[in-house]
């Protein structure tokens, strides 16, 4: 009896992997901070609640640092601005060019704030080291006509 259970488990695993192998999962892509677009516009359109850590990493690359915020949430810090092209070689020998920012004290930074499920719930933006308090939650509340002080 145990033999037949093992065979069924193996067949189910093979069937599932064959079924899903041909499907491509599209990750939601967040907007990018650039010097040409005002940060308020990017924050206003950032799709909060739908960007996973995987999608954030694929789109933004490796954070320049990670931190634990005062509210206990995880934050990934990135630099905004001009990015430099870097080419990497995949294990499949395929080349891919990605654009990464180079650390610089004069650049603006943004922090992706993740909830306990690994989804972006807010974006904090700071210009040139200032903690000026621009956040995606505030920008989106303002765009909807809600007061900044309402929670």
Foldseek 3Di string as FASTA:
>chain_A
DVVVVVVVVVVVVVVVCVVCVPDDDDADAQDAAEPVDDPLVSLQPGPFPRHFQVNCCVHQNQAPDWDQDPVRWIKGKFFHYFWDWDWDQDPVRDIDIDTHHDDDLQTKMKIFTADPVRTGHKIQIGHSPHRPGDMSVQSNCVVVVHDSPDD
